């Protein structure tokens, strides 16, 4: 199972955007940590099972091949307050979300169905169906 936190595991187009996001958050006085970048299908299935067939709260509605993480085009983050992840600080997540959007990223905190405050992705108008087709054609 691969569930990486390494920015170098992201698509080359997204890597500098992620670094800029981190830097811009820091410039606003917000320290963040990247909690997830690339995720293989097995890891995606494991997360999808949480709150369904495994204990815990649901953390994703995406099955394998239904997440931009699987295509190296998404990352999750968390603001750090007093040296610890502050998962409940909605105001900080919203500030980070605005910074992400200013950097050309889609912030999942705006999603109507199952908003994810900690998730950013780069779609460039490319749908998951198109990514899956590219993968099947080995052209990704």
Foldseek 3Di string as FASTA:
>chain_A
DDWDQDLVLADPVCSVLVVVLQVVCVVVVWHKGWDTFADAQVRQQVLCCDVPVHDDNRDDPAHGLRDCSPVRFKIFMFTADPRHGDPPPLVSLVVSCVSSVVSVWHQQCPPPPPRDSGMIGHCVVPHSVNVVVCVVVVND
